């Protein structure tokens, strides 16, 4: 489970096995028991969430948008290697 970075106690990461075939580029975000999945391409969007408030999700959409290049680079480094 490669961790991309941490933000205010949230972990942004990929699962090592993202499906066969590989799912489109996305990132998971976890804090405690709360978890969300965000599509990164073509646009940043919430795929699913459990235990997060709407204000948390809005903030995390912004975090993903602001770090999109890093997330994409890490995805390709990990899965295209």
N, C-alpha and C. Protein backbone atom coordinates (compact mmCIF):
# COMPACT_ATOMS: atom_id res chain seq x y z
N UNK A 1 0.85 -1.17 0.00
CA UNK A 1 0.00 0.00 0.00
C UNK A 1 0.90 1.24 0.00
N UNK A 2 1.28 1.71 -1.19
CA UNK A 2 2.16 2.89 -1.28
C UNK A 2 1.45 4.17 -0.81
N UNK A 3 2.02 4.82 0.20
CA UNK A 3 1.49 6.09 0.68
C UNK A 3 2.12 7.20 -0.14
N UNK A 4 1.31 8.08 -0.69
CA UNK A 4 1.80 9.18 -1.51
C UNK A 4 2.25 10.32 -0.61
N UNK A 5 1.37 10.74 0.30
CA UNK A 5 1.72 11.75 1.31
C UNK A 5 0.62 11.78 2.36
N UNK A 6 0.88 12.54 3.40
CA UNK A 6 -0.08 12.73 4.50
C UNK A 6 -0.50 14.19 4.53
N UNK A 7 -1.75 14.41 4.92
CA UNK A 7 -2.31 15.75 5.00
C UNK A 7 -3.25 15.80 6.20
N UNK A 8 -2.91 16.60 7.20
CA UNK A 8 -3.77 16.79 8.38
C UNK A 8 -4.29 15.47 8.97
N UNK A 9 -3.45 14.48 9.06
CA UNK A 9 -3.86 13.20 9.63
C UNK A 9 -4.48 12.24 8.63
N UNK A 10 -4.69 12.67 7.39
CA UNK A 10 -5.20 11.81 6.33
C UNK A 10 -4.01 11.17 5.61
N UNK A 11 -4.16 9.92 5.21
CA UNK A 11 -3.16 9.25 4.38
C UNK A 11 -3.71 9.14 2.96
N UNK A 12 -2.96 9.61 1.98
CA UNK A 12 -3.33 9.46 0.58
C UNK A 12 -2.48 8.33 0.03
N UNK A 13 -3.12 7.33 -0.56
CA UNK A 13 -2.39 6.12 -0.95
C UNK A 13 -3.08 5.39 -2.09
N UNK A 14 -2.35 4.40 -2.62
CA UNK A 14 -2.88 3.45 -3.59
C UNK A 14 -2.86 2.09 -2.92
N UNK A 15 -3.77 1.22 -3.32
CA UNK A 15 -3.65 -0.19 -2.96
C UNK A 15 -2.70 -0.82 -3.96
N UNK A 16 -1.90 -1.78 -3.52
CA UNK A 16 -0.93 -2.41 -4.42
C UNK A 16 -1.60 -3.13 -5.57
N UNK A 17 -2.77 -3.71 -5.34
CA UNK A 17 -3.50 -4.39 -6.39
C UNK A 17 -4.76 -3.58 -6.68
N UNK A 18 -4.73 -2.80 -7.71
CA UNK A 18 -5.86 -1.92 -8.04
C UNK A 18 -6.78 -2.52 -9.09
N UNK A 19 -6.83 -3.84 -9.14
CA UNK A 19 -7.75 -4.51 -10.05
C UNK A 19 -7.05 -5.09 -11.25
N UNK A 20 -7.73 -6.03 -11.87
CA UNK A 20 -7.20 -6.65 -13.06
C UNK A 20 -8.35 -6.73 -14.07
N UNK A 21 -8.42 -5.86 -15.04
CA UNK A 21 -7.37 -4.91 -15.39
C UNK A 21 -7.30 -3.74 -14.41
N UNK A 22 -6.21 -3.03 -14.48
CA UNK A 22 -5.97 -1.88 -13.60
C UNK A 22 -7.08 -0.85 -13.74
N UNK A 23 -7.62 -0.38 -12.61
CA UNK A 23 -8.66 0.65 -12.64
C UNK A 23 -8.05 1.98 -13.11
N UNK A 24 -8.90 2.91 -13.58
CA UNK A 24 -8.39 4.24 -13.95
C UNK A 24 -7.71 4.91 -12.74
N UNK A 25 -6.87 5.87 -13.03
CA UNK A 25 -6.08 6.55 -12.02
C UNK A 25 -6.98 7.14 -10.93
N UNK A 26 -6.69 6.75 -9.70
CA UNK A 26 -7.46 7.23 -8.55
C UNK A 26 -6.58 7.15 -7.30
N UNK A 27 -7.08 7.73 -6.22
CA UNK A 27 -6.36 7.73 -4.96
C UNK A 27 -7.35 7.44 -3.83
N UNK A 28 -6.87 6.74 -2.81
CA UNK A 28 -7.67 6.48 -1.61
C UNK A 28 -7.17 7.40 -0.51
N UNK A 29 -8.10 7.84 0.34
CA UNK A 29 -7.74 8.70 1.47
C UNK A 29 -8.39 8.13 2.72
N UNK A 30 -7.58 7.93 3.75
CA UNK A 30 -8.08 7.33 4.99
C UNK A 30 -7.65 8.18 6.18
N UNK A 31 -8.56 8.29 7.13
CA UNK A 31 -8.25 8.85 8.45
C UNK A 31 -9.07 8.04 9.44
N UNK A 32 -8.37 7.30 10.31
CA UNK A 32 -9.07 6.42 11.24
C UNK A 32 -9.90 5.41 10.47
N UNK A 33 -11.18 5.30 10.81
CA UNK A 33 -12.06 4.37 10.13
C UNK A 33 -12.73 4.95 8.90
N UNK A 34 -12.52 6.23 8.62
CA UNK A 34 -13.13 6.88 7.46
C UNK A 34 -12.26 6.66 6.22
N UNK A 35 -12.92 6.42 5.09
CA UNK A 35 -12.20 6.13 3.85
C UNK A 35 -12.95 6.72 2.68
N UNK A 36 -12.20 7.26 1.72
CA UNK A 36 -12.80 7.76 0.48
C UNK A 36 -11.90 7.41 -0.69
N UNK A 37 -12.52 7.34 -1.85
CA UNK A 37 -11.80 7.06 -3.10
C UNK A 37 -12.13 8.21 -4.05
N UNK A 38 -11.08 8.75 -4.68
CA UNK A 38 -11.24 9.87 -5.60
C UNK A 38 -10.68 9.51 -6.95
N UNK A 39 -11.47 9.69 -8.01
CA UNK A 39 -10.94 9.59 -9.36
C UNK A 39 -10.06 10.81 -9.58
N UNK A 40 -8.98 10.65 -10.30
CA UNK A 40 -8.06 11.76 -10.56
C UNK A 40 -8.19 12.22 -12.01
N UNK A 41 -8.46 11.29 -12.93
CA UNK A 41 -8.64 11.64 -14.34
C UNK A 41 -9.96 11.09 -14.84
N UNK A 42 -10.66 11.73 -15.74
CA UNK A 42 -10.23 12.95 -16.40
C UNK A 42 -10.36 14.19 -15.51
N UNK A 43 -11.26 14.13 -14.53
CA UNK A 43 -11.43 15.22 -13.57
C UNK A 43 -11.44 14.64 -12.17
N UNK A 44 -11.02 15.42 -11.20
CA UNK A 44 -11.06 14.96 -9.81
C UNK A 44 -12.52 14.86 -9.38
N UNK A 45 -12.89 13.69 -8.86
CA UNK A 45 -14.27 13.46 -8.45
C UNK A 45 -14.30 12.39 -7.35
N UNK A 46 -15.26 12.48 -6.48
CA UNK A 46 -15.42 11.49 -5.42
C UNK A 46 -16.04 10.23 -6.03
N UNK A 47 -15.36 9.10 -5.87
CA UNK A 47 -15.89 7.83 -6.36
C UNK A 47 -16.79 7.20 -5.29
N UNK A 48 -16.33 7.23 -4.04
CA UNK A 48 -17.10 6.68 -2.92
C UNK A 48 -16.50 7.19 -1.63
N UNK A 49 -17.30 7.18 -0.59
CA UNK A 49 -16.79 7.60 0.72
C UNK A 49 -17.58 6.94 1.83
N UNK A 50 -16.91 6.70 2.94
CA UNK A 50 -17.50 6.08 4.12
C UNK A 50 -16.99 6.80 5.35
N UNK A 51 -17.88 7.41 6.10
CA UNK A 51 -17.52 8.02 7.36
C UNK A 51 -16.90 9.40 7.28
N UNK A 52 -16.99 10.06 6.12
CA UNK A 52 -16.47 11.43 6.00
C UNK A 52 -17.62 12.39 5.78
N UNK A 53 -17.47 13.58 6.33
CA UNK A 53 -18.50 14.60 6.17
C UNK A 53 -18.36 15.28 4.81
N UNK A 54 -19.40 15.98 4.40
CA UNK A 54 -19.34 16.69 3.12
C UNK A 54 -18.26 17.78 3.14
N UNK A 55 -18.05 18.42 4.28
CA UNK A 55 -17.00 19.45 4.33
C UNK A 55 -15.61 18.83 4.22
N UNK A 56 -15.41 17.65 4.83
CA UNK A 56 -14.14 16.95 4.68
C UNK A 56 -13.91 16.59 3.21
N UNK A 57 -14.95 16.08 2.58
CA UNK A 57 -14.82 15.67 1.19
C UNK A 57 -14.52 16.85 0.27
N UNK A 58 -15.16 17.99 0.52
CA UNK A 58 -14.87 19.19 -0.29
C UNK A 58 -13.41 19.59 -0.13
N UNK A 59 -12.92 19.59 1.11
CA UNK A 59 -11.52 19.94 1.36
C UNK A 59 -10.58 18.95 0.68
N UNK A 60 -10.92 17.68 0.75
CA UNK A 60 -10.06 16.65 0.15
C UNK A 60 -10.07 16.70 -1.37
N UNK A 61 -11.18 17.08 -1.98
CA UNK A 61 -11.20 17.28 -3.43
C UNK A 61 -10.18 18.36 -3.79
N UNK A 62 -10.14 19.44 -3.03
CA UNK A 62 -9.17 20.51 -3.28
C UNK A 62 -7.74 20.01 -3.10
N UNK A 63 -7.51 19.20 -2.08
CA UNK A 63 -6.17 18.65 -1.83
C UNK A 63 -5.75 17.77 -3.01
N UNK A 64 -6.64 16.94 -3.49
CA UNK A 64 -6.32 16.09 -4.64
C UNK A 64 -6.06 16.95 -5.87
N UNK A 65 -6.89 17.96 -6.10
CA UNK A 65 -6.67 18.84 -7.25
C UNK A 65 -5.32 19.55 -7.17
N UNK A 66 -4.97 20.05 -5.98
CA UNK A 66 -3.71 20.77 -5.80
C UNK A 66 -2.49 19.87 -5.95
N UNK A 67 -2.67 18.58 -5.72
CA UNK A 67 -1.55 17.63 -5.77
C UNK A 67 -1.69 16.62 -6.90
N UNK A 68 -2.48 16.98 -7.87
CA UNK A 68 -2.78 16.07 -8.97
C UNK A 68 -1.52 15.60 -9.71
N UNK A 69 -0.62 16.50 -10.00
CA UNK A 69 0.60 16.12 -10.71
C UNK A 69 1.41 15.10 -9.92
N UNK A 70 1.56 15.33 -8.63
CA UNK A 70 2.29 14.40 -7.77
C UNK A 70 1.61 13.04 -7.76
N UNK A 71 0.29 13.02 -7.59
CA UNK A 71 -0.46 11.77 -7.55
C UNK A 71 -0.31 11.02 -8.86
N UNK A 72 -0.45 11.71 -9.98
CA UNK A 72 -0.29 11.07 -11.29
C UNK A 72 1.12 10.52 -11.46
N UNK A 73 2.12 11.28 -11.09
CA UNK A 73 3.51 10.83 -11.21
C UNK A 73 3.75 9.57 -10.38
N UNK A 74 3.29 9.58 -9.13
CA UNK A 74 3.49 8.43 -8.25
C UNK A 74 2.75 7.20 -8.77
N UNK A 75 1.55 7.40 -9.32
CA UNK A 75 0.77 6.30 -9.90
C UNK A 75 1.57 5.63 -11.02
N UNK A 76 2.07 6.48 -11.95
CA UNK A 76 2.80 5.94 -13.09
C UNK A 76 4.13 5.31 -12.68
N UNK A 77 4.79 5.89 -11.70
CA UNK A 77 6.03 5.29 -11.20
C UNK A 77 5.76 3.90 -10.62
N UNK A 78 4.65 3.76 -9.92
CA UNK A 78 4.36 2.50 -9.25
C UNK A 78 3.78 1.44 -10.20
N UNK A 79 2.76 1.84 -10.98
CA UNK A 79 2.04 0.85 -11.78
C UNK A 79 2.61 0.64 -13.18
N UNK A 80 3.34 1.60 -13.72
CA UNK A 80 3.90 1.45 -15.05
C UNK A 80 5.32 0.91 -15.03
N UNK A 81 5.85 0.70 -13.83
CA UNK A 81 7.25 0.27 -13.72
C UNK A 81 7.46 -1.14 -14.22
